[in-house]
């Protein structure tokens, strides 16, 4: 869902680097997969086609932090910002 975000914290040989992968459009989501010593973070469409991917060596990954987009229940009213007076 648009707004999904994953932060990847990497050990870069004495430094720590942070990367972020976002779901940039409505209907897309961010998926994480691991295998064969690699961590893959991908933005995928509704049909599962990867749009953007990032791969990292698993032994260098310090943290994966998932930030899901805020979800609203169908019966829960959404907060609508009021217009500011001019």
Protein backbone atom coordinates (compact mmCIF):
# COMPACT_ATOMS: atom_id res chain seq x y z
CA UNK A 1 0.00 0.00 0.00
CA UNK A 2 1.28 3.47 -0.78
CA UNK A 3 3.20 4.68 2.24
CA UNK A 4 4.71 1.32 3.18
CA UNK A 5 8.39 1.78 3.93
CA UNK A 6 11.32 -0.43 4.95
CA UNK A 7 14.55 0.88 6.47
CA UNK A 8 17.69 -1.23 6.02
CA UNK A 9 20.66 -0.53 8.30
CA UNK A 10 23.98 -1.81 6.89
CA UNK A 11 27.46 -2.20 8.41
CA UNK A 12 29.73 -0.58 5.84
CA UNK A 13 33.13 -1.36 7.35
CA UNK A 14 33.22 0.92 10.36
CA UNK A 15 30.35 3.11 9.20
CA UNK A 16 26.63 2.51 9.41
CA UNK A 17 24.49 3.33 6.38
CA UNK A 18 20.72 3.47 6.20
CA UNK A 19 18.71 2.80 3.05
CA UNK A 20 14.94 3.11 2.57
CA UNK A 21 12.60 1.44 0.09
CA UNK A 22 9.12 2.99 -0.33
CA UNK A 23 5.88 1.88 -1.95
CA UNK A 24 5.56 4.89 -4.23
CA UNK A 25 2.11 4.34 -5.75
CA UNK A 26 -1.28 3.12 -4.61
CA UNK A 27 -1.59 -0.66 -4.79
CA UNK A 28 2.13 -1.33 -4.42
CA UNK A 29 3.73 -2.89 -1.39
CA UNK A 30 7.22 -3.61 -0.07
CA UNK A 31 8.30 -7.24 0.39
CA UNK A 32 11.38 -8.66 2.11
CA UNK A 33 12.92 -12.01 1.23
CA UNK A 34 16.09 -13.78 2.32
CA UNK A 35 18.02 -16.58 0.70
CA UNK A 36 21.56 -17.74 -0.10
CA UNK A 37 23.17 -15.09 2.06
CA UNK A 38 21.26 -12.20 0.47
CA UNK A 39 18.43 -9.99 1.74
CA UNK A 40 16.19 -8.61 -1.02
CA UNK A 41 13.79 -5.73 -0.44
CA UNK A 42 11.43 -5.10 -3.36
CA UNK A 43 8.59 -2.76 -4.23
CA UNK A 44 6.04 -4.94 -6.02
CA UNK A 45 2.77 -4.32 -7.86
CA UNK A 46 -0.56 -5.92 -7.02
CA UNK A 47 0.25 -8.73 -9.43
CA UNK A 48 3.60 -9.42 -7.77
CA UNK A 49 5.85 -7.92 -10.44
CA UNK A 50 8.92 -6.28 -8.87
CA UNK A 51 9.27 -2.61 -9.79
CA UNK A 52 12.33 -1.69 -7.73
CA UNK A 53 14.67 -4.00 -5.81
CA UNK A 54 17.58 -3.60 -3.43
CA UNK A 55 19.88 -6.46 -2.44
CA UNK A 56 22.24 -6.63 0.52
CA UNK A 57 24.60 -9.26 1.89
CA UNK A 58 22.86 -10.82 4.89
CA UNK A 59 25.96 -10.75 7.09
CA UNK A 60 26.17 -6.93 6.64
CA UNK A 61 22.53 -6.21 7.55
CA UNK A 62 22.23 -4.90 11.10
CA UNK A 63 18.49 -4.16 11.11
CA UNK A 64 15.39 -4.26 8.93
CA UNK A 65 12.67 -1.92 10.17
CA UNK A 66 9.22 -2.14 8.59
CA UNK A 67 6.96 0.92 8.69
CA UNK A 68 3.51 -0.05 7.41
CA UNK A 69 1.22 2.63 6.01
CA UNK A 70 -1.60 3.60 8.38
CA UNK A 71 -4.61 1.40 7.73
CA UNK A 72 -8.16 2.53 8.47
CA UNK A 73 -10.99 0.18 9.33
CA UNK A 74 -14.04 0.57 7.04
CA UNK A 75 -16.27 1.70 9.91
CA UNK A 76 -13.63 4.00 11.44
CA UNK A 77 -13.96 7.64 10.37
CA UNK A 78 -10.87 9.12 8.79
CA UNK A 79 -9.39 12.31 10.13
CA UNK A 80 -9.84 15.06 7.57
CA UNK A 81 -7.76 18.22 8.00
CA UNK A 82 -9.82 21.35 8.32
CA UNK A 83 -9.03 24.29 6.03
CA UNK A 84 -7.05 27.05 7.67
CA UNK A 85 -8.67 30.46 7.92
CA UNK A 86 -7.20 33.03 5.55
